[in-house]
Amino acid sequence: MRKPKFSADSKLVRYIDPDEIKRKGRISSAAFMSNPGETHLSVNSMETESLAEIADYYRHAFADGDKVDAAERTVADFNKAATKAGLNICYDQVKQRWEWHEETTQATEAYKHRPVPARPPRPASPSHCGVEFIQSKLDEITLRKMAEFLTVQKPRLHRKI
């Protein structure tokens, strides 16, 4: 299994619920808020799996086999959103990873590979990752602003895949 490198131009894909798509293909900022009970923002890395493979996982996990929608952003887009929200995101050359810093903590990994094993009838998701910096001590309003930034700068929307 290939592990993503999370370079600045790495593509991360997120499932988009049909209710989160507005007129003219715009996406609600709620699409980039973490799922209930998760401390990270669930995304899938196109470094590890193709869009078709990721869509197959989404169809089984979220849409009962129907076609799905997904939004594509780069790691640079997520980093820019974090910076606009007041987080310090930087690349550690020694550890070869993006990190975020809070005033009272050490540097923490900003993106983490979190493969999901198969749970029949749902297939595995070897490309599943987490955008970890959303677990920072940002308040709800700031997290919403960060999610809004990810939609205002229109993501690439893959419809009915």
N, C-alpha and C. Protein backbone atom coordinates (compact mmCIF):
# COMPACT_ATOMS: atom_id res chain seq x y z
N MET A 1 0.85 -1.17 0.00
CA MET A 1 0.00 0.00 0.00
C MET A 1 0.89 1.24 0.00
N ARG A 2 0.65 2.12 -0.96
CA ARG A 2 1.40 3.37 -1.03
C ARG A 2 0.89 4.35 0.03
N LYS A 3 1.81 5.01 0.66
CA LYS A 3 1.45 6.02 1.65
C LYS A 3 1.60 7.40 1.00
N PRO A 4 0.61 8.27 1.14
CA PRO A 4 0.71 9.59 0.51
C PRO A 4 1.83 10.43 1.12
N LYS A 5 2.42 11.29 0.28
CA LYS A 5 3.50 12.17 0.72
C LYS A 5 2.99 13.53 1.14
N PHE A 6 1.78 13.90 0.72
CA PHE A 6 1.18 15.19 1.06
C PHE A 6 2.03 16.37 0.61
N SER A 7 2.51 16.32 -0.63
CA SER A 7 3.20 17.49 -1.17
C SER A 7 2.16 18.60 -1.36
N ALA A 8 2.61 19.82 -1.57
CA ALA A 8 1.68 20.95 -1.69
C ALA A 8 0.66 20.75 -2.80
N ASP A 9 1.04 20.06 -3.87
CA ASP A 9 0.11 19.86 -4.98
C ASP A 9 -0.62 18.51 -4.92
N SER A 10 -0.47 17.78 -3.83
CA SER A 10 -1.21 16.52 -3.65
C SER A 10 -2.70 16.80 -3.62
N LYS A 11 -3.46 15.97 -4.30
CA LYS A 11 -4.92 16.16 -4.38
C LYS A 11 -5.62 15.33 -3.32
N LEU A 12 -6.48 16.00 -2.56
CA LEU A 12 -7.29 15.35 -1.54
C LEU A 12 -8.75 15.48 -1.96
N VAL A 13 -9.51 14.41 -1.82
CA VAL A 13 -10.90 14.36 -2.27
C VAL A 13 -11.79 14.13 -1.06
N ARG A 14 -12.93 14.80 -1.05
CA ARG A 14 -13.90 14.65 0.03
C ARG A 14 -15.27 14.36 -0.56
N TYR A 15 -15.97 13.39 0.03
CA TYR A 15 -17.34 13.08 -0.38
C TYR A 15 -18.22 14.30 -0.14
N ILE A 16 -19.10 14.58 -1.10
CA ILE A 16 -20.03 15.70 -0.97
C ILE A 16 -21.45 15.16 -1.01
N ASP A 17 -22.18 15.35 0.07
CA ASP A 17 -23.57 14.94 0.13
C ASP A 17 -24.38 15.78 -0.86
N PRO A 18 -25.36 15.19 -1.54
CA PRO A 18 -26.17 15.97 -2.50
C PRO A 18 -26.79 17.23 -1.89
N ASP A 19 -27.12 17.20 -0.61
CA ASP A 19 -27.70 18.38 0.05
C ASP A 19 -26.70 19.52 0.21
N GLU A 20 -25.41 19.24 0.04
CA GLU A 20 -24.38 20.25 0.21
C GLU A 20 -24.01 20.96 -1.09
N ILE A 21 -24.70 20.59 -2.19
CA ILE A 21 -24.43 21.24 -3.47
C ILE A 21 -25.51 22.28 -3.71
N LYS A 22 -25.05 23.51 -3.94
CA LYS A 22 -25.97 24.63 -4.18
C LYS A 22 -26.13 24.85 -5.68
N ARG A 23 -26.85 25.92 -6.01
CA ARG A 23 -27.04 26.27 -7.41
C ARG A 23 -25.70 26.51 -8.09
N LYS A 24 -25.67 26.24 -9.38
CA LYS A 24 -24.49 26.45 -10.22
C LYS A 24 -23.29 25.67 -9.73
N GLY A 25 -23.52 24.56 -9.05
CA GLY A 25 -22.43 23.69 -8.63
C GLY A 25 -21.60 24.20 -7.47
N ARG A 26 -22.07 25.22 -6.77
CA ARG A 26 -21.34 25.69 -5.60
C ARG A 26 -21.55 24.70 -4.47
N ILE A 27 -20.62 24.67 -3.56
CA ILE A 27 -20.66 23.71 -2.46
C ILE A 27 -20.82 24.45 -1.14
N SER A 28 -21.67 23.94 -0.28
CA SER A 28 -21.88 24.50 1.05
C SER A 28 -20.61 24.33 1.87
N SER A 29 -20.32 25.29 2.74
CA SER A 29 -19.14 25.17 3.60
C SER A 29 -19.28 24.00 4.58
N ALA A 30 -20.51 23.56 4.84
CA ALA A 30 -20.72 22.41 5.72
C ALA A 30 -20.03 21.15 5.18
N ALA A 31 -19.80 21.12 3.88
CA ALA A 31 -19.13 19.97 3.26
C ALA A 31 -17.69 19.81 3.75
N PHE A 32 -17.10 20.88 4.26
CA PHE A 32 -15.72 20.82 4.73
C PHE A 32 -15.61 20.93 6.26
N MET A 33 -16.69 20.56 6.94
CA MET A 33 -16.66 20.44 8.40
C MET A 33 -16.48 18.95 8.72
N SER A 34 -15.84 18.66 9.83
CA SER A 34 -15.59 17.25 10.16
C SER A 34 -16.89 16.51 10.45
N ASN A 35 -16.84 15.20 10.22
CA ASN A 35 -17.99 14.35 10.49
C ASN A 35 -18.19 14.25 12.01
N PRO A 36 -19.43 14.08 12.46
CA PRO A 36 -19.68 13.97 13.90
C PRO A 36 -18.83 12.86 14.53
N GLY A 37 -18.19 13.19 15.65
CA GLY A 37 -17.39 12.22 16.38
C GLY A 37 -15.96 12.08 15.88
N GLU A 38 -15.59 12.74 14.79
CA GLU A 38 -14.22 12.66 14.27
C GLU A 38 -13.42 13.88 14.69
N THR A 39 -12.14 13.66 14.99
CA THR A 39 -11.26 14.76 15.37
C THR A 39 -10.45 15.26 14.18
N HIS A 40 -10.72 14.72 13.00
CA HIS A 40 -10.01 15.12 11.79
C HIS A 40 -11.05 15.31 10.68
N LEU A 41 -10.65 15.91 9.59
CA LEU A 41 -11.51 16.03 8.42
C LEU A 41 -11.17 14.87 7.49
N SER A 42 -12.13 13.99 7.25
CA SER A 42 -11.90 12.81 6.42
C SER A 42 -11.78 13.19 4.95
N VAL A 43 -10.69 12.78 4.35
CA VAL A 43 -10.45 12.98 2.92
C VAL A 43 -9.80 11.72 2.37
N ASN A 44 -9.68 11.65 1.07
CA ASN A 44 -8.99 10.53 0.43
C ASN A 44 -7.91 11.10 -0.47
N SER A 45 -6.77 10.43 -0.51
CA SER A 45 -5.62 10.90 -1.27
C SER A 45 -5.58 10.27 -2.65
N MET A 46 -5.49 11.12 -3.67
CA MET A 46 -5.36 10.62 -5.02
C MET A 46 -3.93 10.17 -5.33
N GLU A 47 -3.03 10.28 -4.36
CA GLU A 47 -1.69 9.71 -4.50
C GLU A 47 -1.75 8.20 -4.29
N THR A 48 -2.74 7.75 -3.55
CA THR A 48 -2.84 6.35 -3.16
C THR A 48 -3.84 5.57 -4.01
N GLU A 49 -4.95 6.21 -4.36
CA GLU A 49 -6.00 5.56 -5.17
C GLU A 49 -6.47 6.51 -6.25
N SER A 50 -7.02 5.95 -7.32
CA SER A 50 -7.59 6.77 -8.38
C SER A 50 -8.94 7.33 -7.93
N LEU A 51 -9.41 8.33 -8.64
CA LEU A 51 -10.72 8.90 -8.34
C LEU A 51 -11.81 7.84 -8.48
N ALA A 52 -11.70 6.97 -9.45
CA ALA A 52 -12.69 5.91 -9.65
C ALA A 52 -12.74 4.96 -8.45
N GLU A 53 -11.58 4.61 -7.89
CA GLU A 53 -11.53 3.73 -6.72
C GLU A 53 -12.11 4.43 -5.49
N ILE A 54 -11.78 5.70 -5.34
CA ILE A 54 -12.31 6.47 -4.21
C ILE A 54 -13.83 6.59 -4.33
N ALA A 55 -14.32 6.87 -5.53
CA ALA A 55 -15.76 6.98 -5.76
C ALA A 55 -16.47 5.66 -5.46
N ASP A 56 -15.83 4.55 -5.77
CA ASP A 56 -16.43 3.25 -5.47
C ASP A 56 -16.60 3.08 -3.96
N TYR A 57 -15.60 3.48 -3.20
CA TYR A 57 -15.71 3.43 -1.74
C TYR A 57 -16.85 4.33 -1.26
N TYR A 58 -16.93 5.57 -1.79
CA TYR A 58 -17.98 6.49 -1.40
C TYR A 58 -19.37 5.92 -1.72
N ARG A 59 -19.50 5.29 -2.89
CA ARG A 59 -20.80 4.72 -3.27
C ARG A 59 -21.25 3.68 -2.26
N HIS A 60 -20.33 2.85 -1.82
CA HIS A 60 -20.68 1.80 -0.84
C HIS A 60 -20.87 2.37 0.57
N ALA A 61 -20.08 3.35 0.94
CA ALA A 61 -20.12 3.89 2.30
C ALA A 61 -21.25 4.89 2.52
N PHE A 62 -21.59 5.67 1.49
CA PHE A 62 -22.51 6.77 1.71
C PHE A 62 -23.76 6.77 0.83
N ALA A 63 -23.73 6.09 -0.30
CA ALA A 63 -24.81 6.29 -1.28
C ALA A 63 -25.50 5.00 -1.72
N ASP A 64 -25.34 3.93 -0.99
CA ASP A 64 -26.00 2.67 -1.34
C ASP A 64 -25.82 2.29 -2.81
N GLY A 65 -24.63 2.51 -3.34
CA GLY A 65 -24.34 2.10 -4.70
C GLY A 65 -24.69 3.11 -5.77
N ASP A 66 -25.36 4.22 -5.41
CA ASP A 66 -25.69 5.26 -6.40
C ASP A 66 -24.44 6.08 -6.73
N LYS A 67 -24.54 6.87 -7.78
CA LYS A 67 -23.43 7.74 -8.15
C LYS A 67 -23.23 8.80 -7.07
N VAL A 68 -22.00 9.26 -6.93
CA VAL A 68 -21.65 10.20 -5.87
C VAL A 68 -20.97 11.45 -6.42
N ASP A 69 -20.89 12.46 -5.58
CA ASP A 69 -20.18 13.69 -5.88
C ASP A 69 -18.99 13.81 -4.93
N ALA A 70 -17.92 14.39 -5.42
CA ALA A 70 -16.73 14.57 -4.60
C ALA A 70 -16.06 15.89 -4.96
N ALA A 71 -15.47 16.54 -3.96
CA ALA A 71 -14.75 17.80 -4.18
C ALA A 71 -13.26 17.54 -4.03
N GLU A 72 -12.49 18.15 -4.90
CA GLU A 72 -11.04 17.98 -4.91
C GLU A 72 -10.37 19.29 -4.53
N ARG A 73 -9.45 19.22 -3.57
CA ARG A 73 -8.64 20.36 -3.15
C ARG A 73 -7.21 19.87 -3.05
N THR A 74 -6.26 20.78 -3.09
CA THR A 74 -4.87 20.40 -2.89
C THR A 74 -4.47 20.64 -1.44
N VAL A 75 -3.37 20.04 -1.05
CA VAL A 75 -2.82 20.28 0.29
C VAL A 75 -2.55 21.78 0.45
N ALA A 76 -2.06 22.43 -0.61
CA ALA A 76 -1.80 23.88 -0.55
C ALA A 76 -3.09 24.65 -0.24
N ASP A 77 -4.23 24.21 -0.81
CA ASP A 77 -5.51 24.86 -0.52
C ASP A 77 -5.86 24.74 0.96
N PHE A 78 -5.69 23.54 1.51
CA PHE A 78 -5.99 23.32 2.93
C PHE A 78 -5.04 24.16 3.80
N ASN A 79 -3.76 24.22 3.41
CA ASN A 79 -2.80 25.01 4.18
C ASN A 79 -3.17 26.49 4.16
N LYS A 80 -3.59 26.99 3.01
CA LYS A 80 -3.99 28.39 2.88
C LYS A 80 -5.20 28.68 3.77
N ALA A 81 -6.17 27.76 3.78
CA ALA A 81 -7.36 27.93 4.63
C ALA A 81 -6.96 27.96 6.10
N ALA A 82 -6.04 27.09 6.50
CA ALA A 82 -5.59 27.06 7.89
C ALA A 82 -4.89 28.36 8.27
N THR A 83 -4.05 28.85 7.38
CA THR A 83 -3.34 30.10 7.63
C THR A 83 -4.33 31.25 7.78
N LYS A 84 -5.35 31.29 6.93
CA LYS A 84 -6.37 32.33 7.02
C LYS A 84 -7.15 32.24 8.33
N ALA A 85 -7.23 31.02 8.88
CA ALA A 85 -7.93 30.82 10.15
C ALA A 85 -7.02 31.10 11.35
N GLY A 86 -5.77 31.43 11.09
CA GLY A 86 -4.87 31.79 12.18
C GLY A 86 -3.96 30.66 12.66
N LEU A 87 -3.92 29.55 11.94
CA LEU A 87 -3.02 28.46 12.32
C LEU A 87 -1.66 28.63 11.65
N ASN A 88 -0.64 28.18 12.34
CA ASN A 88 0.71 28.22 11.80
C ASN A 88 1.01 26.84 11.19
N ILE A 89 0.98 26.76 9.86
CA ILE A 89 1.26 25.51 9.14
C ILE A 89 2.60 25.67 8.44
N CYS A 90 3.51 24.71 8.63
CA CYS A 90 4.79 24.78 7.93
C CYS A 90 5.27 23.37 7.61
N TYR A 91 6.20 23.29 6.69
CA TYR A 91 6.74 22.00 6.28
C TYR A 91 8.04 21.75 7.01
N ASP A 92 8.13 20.62 7.71
CA ASP A 92 9.35 20.24 8.41
C ASP A 92 10.20 19.41 7.45
N GLN A 93 11.31 19.96 7.01
CA GLN A 93 12.18 19.28 6.04
C GLN A 93 12.78 18.00 6.60
N VAL A 94 13.10 17.99 7.89
CA VAL A 94 13.72 16.82 8.50
C VAL A 94 12.72 15.66 8.60
N LYS A 95 11.53 15.94 9.12
CA LYS A 95 10.51 14.89 9.26
C LYS A 95 9.75 14.64 7.96
N GLN A 96 9.93 15.53 7.00
CA GLN A 96 9.26 15.46 5.70
C GLN A 96 7.74 15.35 5.86
N ARG A 97 7.20 16.35 6.57
CA ARG A 97 5.75 16.40 6.77
C ARG A 97 5.31 17.82 7.09
N TRP A 98 4.03 18.10 6.81
CA TRP A 98 3.42 19.36 7.19
C TRP A 98 3.05 19.28 8.67
N GLU A 99 3.28 20.38 9.38
CA GLU A 99 2.95 20.42 10.80
C GLU A 99 2.20 21.71 11.12
N TRP A 100 1.41 21.65 12.17
CA TRP A 100 0.76 22.86 12.68
C TRP A 100 1.18 23.06 14.11
N HIS A 101 1.21 24.30 14.51
CA HIS A 101 1.69 24.65 15.84
C HIS A 101 0.63 25.44 16.57
N GLU A 102 0.49 25.14 17.82
CA GLU A 102 -0.33 25.96 18.71
C GLU A 102 0.61 26.54 19.75
N GLU A 103 0.17 27.59 20.39
CA GLU A 103 1.04 28.28 21.34
C GLU A 103 1.55 27.37 22.45
N THR A 104 0.72 26.45 22.92
CA THR A 104 1.09 25.67 24.09
C THR A 104 1.51 24.23 23.77
N THR A 105 1.56 23.86 22.50
CA THR A 105 1.90 22.48 22.17
C THR A 105 3.07 22.40 21.22
N GLN A 106 3.64 21.21 21.14
CA GLN A 106 4.69 20.98 20.16
C GLN A 106 4.06 20.86 18.78
N ALA A 107 4.90 20.83 17.78
CA ALA A 107 4.42 20.66 16.41
C ALA A 107 3.68 19.33 16.29
N THR A 108 2.57 19.36 15.57
CA THR A 108 1.73 18.18 15.38
C THR A 108 1.55 17.94 13.89
N GLU A 109 1.52 16.68 13.51
CA GLU A 109 1.33 16.30 12.11
C GLU A 109 0.02 16.89 11.58
N ALA A 110 0.07 17.60 10.46
CA ALA A 110 -1.11 18.26 9.90
C ALA A 110 -1.96 17.33 9.05
N TYR A 111 -1.35 16.34 8.41
CA TYR A 111 -2.06 15.38 7.56
C TYR A 111 -1.58 13.98 7.94
N LYS A 112 -2.53 13.07 8.09
CA LYS A 112 -2.17 11.71 8.51
C LYS A 112 -2.88 10.69 7.63
N HIS A 113 -2.13 9.68 7.22
CA HIS A 113 -2.71 8.57 6.47
C HIS A 113 -3.48 7.70 7.46
N ARG A 114 -4.77 7.47 7.18
CA ARG A 114 -5.65 6.71 8.08
C ARG A 114 -6.43 5.66 7.27
N PRO A 115 -5.75 4.66 6.71
CA PRO A 115 -6.47 3.68 5.89
C PRO A 115 -7.60 3.00 6.66
N VAL A 116 -8.69 2.75 5.95
CA VAL A 116 -9.86 2.11 6.56
C VAL A 116 -9.94 0.68 6.04
N PRO A 117 -9.97 -0.30 6.94
CA PRO A 117 -10.07 -1.70 6.49
C PRO A 117 -11.47 -2.00 5.94
N ALA A 118 -11.55 -3.05 5.17
CA ALA A 118 -12.85 -3.48 4.63
C ALA A 118 -13.76 -3.91 5.76
N ARG A 119 -15.02 -3.54 5.65
CA ARG A 119 -16.06 -3.98 6.58
C ARG A 119 -17.24 -4.39 5.71
N PRO A 120 -17.25 -5.67 5.30
CA PRO A 120 -18.28 -6.10 4.34
C PRO A 120 -19.67 -5.64 4.76
N PRO A 121 -20.45 -5.13 3.82
CA PRO A 121 -20.21 -5.12 2.38
C PRO A 121 -19.40 -3.92 1.89
N ARG A 122 -18.92 -3.08 2.80
CA ARG A 122 -18.17 -1.90 2.40
C ARG A 122 -16.72 -2.28 2.11
N PRO A 123 -16.17 -1.80 0.97
CA PRO A 123 -14.77 -2.10 0.66
C PRO A 123 -13.81 -1.30 1.54
N ALA A 124 -12.56 -1.67 1.49
CA ALA A 124 -11.52 -0.93 2.21
C ALA A 124 -11.31 0.42 1.55
N SER A 125 -10.69 1.32 2.30
CA SER A 125 -10.32 2.63 1.75
C SER A 125 -8.84 2.88 2.07
N PRO A 126 -7.94 2.33 1.24
CA PRO A 126 -6.51 2.50 1.51
C PRO A 126 -6.02 3.94 1.35
N SER A 127 -6.83 4.80 0.75
CA SER A 127 -6.42 6.19 0.54
C SER A 127 -6.96 7.14 1.59
N HIS A 128 -7.71 6.63 2.57
CA HIS A 128 -8.32 7.51 3.56
C HIS A 128 -7.25 8.21 4.39
N CYS A 129 -7.44 9.51 4.58
CA CYS A 129 -6.51 10.34 5.34
C CYS A 129 -7.30 11.31 6.20
N GLY A 130 -6.60 11.95 7.08
CA GLY A 130 -7.22 12.96 7.91
C GLY A 130 -6.49 14.27 7.83
N VAL A 131 -7.24 15.35 7.70
CA VAL A 131 -6.68 16.69 7.85
C VAL A 131 -6.74 16.94 9.36
N GLU A 132 -5.59 16.83 9.98
CA GLU A 132 -5.51 16.78 11.44
C GLU A 132 -5.58 18.14 12.12
N PHE A 133 -5.22 19.21 11.42
CA PHE A 133 -5.13 20.49 12.11
C PHE A 133 -6.49 21.05 12.52
N ILE A 134 -7.59 20.44 12.08
CA ILE A 134 -8.88 20.95 12.54
C ILE A 134 -9.13 20.61 14.01
N GLN A 135 -8.30 19.76 14.60
CA GLN A 135 -8.46 19.45 16.02
C GLN A 135 -7.79 20.49 16.90
N SER A 136 -7.28 21.54 16.29
CA SER A 136 -6.66 22.60 17.08
C SER A 136 -7.74 23.25 17.96
N LYS A 137 -7.33 24.12 18.78
CA LYS A 137 -8.24 24.74 19.74
C LYS A 137 -9.01 25.92 19.12
N LEU A 138 -9.25 25.86 17.82
CA LEU A 138 -10.02 26.91 17.17
C LEU A 138 -11.48 26.82 17.60
N ASP A 139 -12.12 27.95 17.70
CA ASP A 139 -13.54 27.91 18.04
C ASP A 139 -14.36 27.54 16.79
N GLU A 140 -15.62 27.24 17.00
CA GLU A 140 -16.52 26.80 15.94
C GLU A 140 -16.62 27.83 14.81
N ILE A 141 -16.65 29.10 15.15
CA ILE A 141 -16.77 30.15 14.13
C ILE A 141 -15.54 30.15 13.23
N THR A 142 -14.36 30.02 13.82
CA THR A 142 -13.12 30.01 13.03
C THR A 142 -13.07 28.78 12.13
N LEU A 143 -13.48 27.63 12.66
CA LEU A 143 -13.51 26.41 11.83
C LEU A 143 -14.48 26.58 10.66
N ARG A 144 -15.60 27.22 10.90
CA ARG A 144 -16.56 27.47 9.81
C ARG A 144 -15.97 28.42 8.76
N LYS A 145 -15.22 29.41 9.20
CA LYS A 145 -14.57 30.33 8.27
C LYS A 145 -13.54 29.58 7.41
N MET A 146 -12.82 28.67 8.03
CA MET A 146 -11.86 27.88 7.29
C MET A 146 -12.58 27.02 6.25
N ALA A 147 -13.69 26.39 6.64
CA ALA A 147 -14.47 25.58 5.71
C ALA A 147 -15.04 26.44 4.59
N GLU A 148 -15.46 27.64 4.95
CA GLU A 148 -16.00 28.56 3.94
C GLU A 148 -14.93 28.94 2.92
N PHE A 149 -13.72 29.18 3.38
CA PHE A 149 -12.63 29.51 2.47
C PHE A 149 -12.42 28.37 1.46
N LEU A 150 -12.54 27.15 1.93
CA LEU A 150 -12.34 26.00 1.04
C LEU A 150 -13.41 25.89 -0.03
N THR A 151 -14.55 26.55 0.17
CA THR A 151 -15.60 26.52 -0.84
C THR A 151 -15.66 27.81 -1.66
N VAL A 152 -15.28 28.94 -1.07
CA VAL A 152 -15.29 30.20 -1.81
C VAL A 152 -14.29 30.13 -2.96
N GLN A 153 -13.11 29.64 -2.68
CA GLN A 153 -12.14 29.37 -3.72
C GLN A 153 -12.57 28.04 -4.32
N LYS A 154 -13.46 28.09 -5.28
CA LYS A 154 -14.24 26.96 -5.78
C LYS A 154 -13.38 25.69 -6.01
N PRO A 155 -13.70 24.63 -5.28
CA PRO A 155 -12.98 23.36 -5.49
C PRO A 155 -13.42 22.70 -6.79
N ARG A 156 -12.61 21.80 -7.27
CA ARG A 156 -13.01 21.03 -8.45
C ARG A 156 -14.06 20.02 -7.99
N LEU A 157 -15.23 20.10 -8.59
CA LEU A 157 -16.34 19.23 -8.21
C LEU A 157 -16.48 18.12 -9.24
N HIS A 158 -16.40 16.90 -8.78
CA HIS A 158 -16.62 15.73 -9.64
C HIS A 158 -18.06 15.29 -9.40
N ARG A 159 -18.90 15.42 -10.43
CA ARG A 159 -20.33 15.12 -10.31
C ARG A 159 -20.66 13.72 -10.79
N LYS A 160 -21.49 13.05 -10.05
CA LYS A 160 -22.07 11.77 -10.42
C LYS A 160 -21.05 10.77 -10.98
N ILE A 161 -20.07 10.47 -10.13
CA ILE A 161 -19.03 9.51 -10.52
C ILE A 161 -19.32 8.15 -9.93
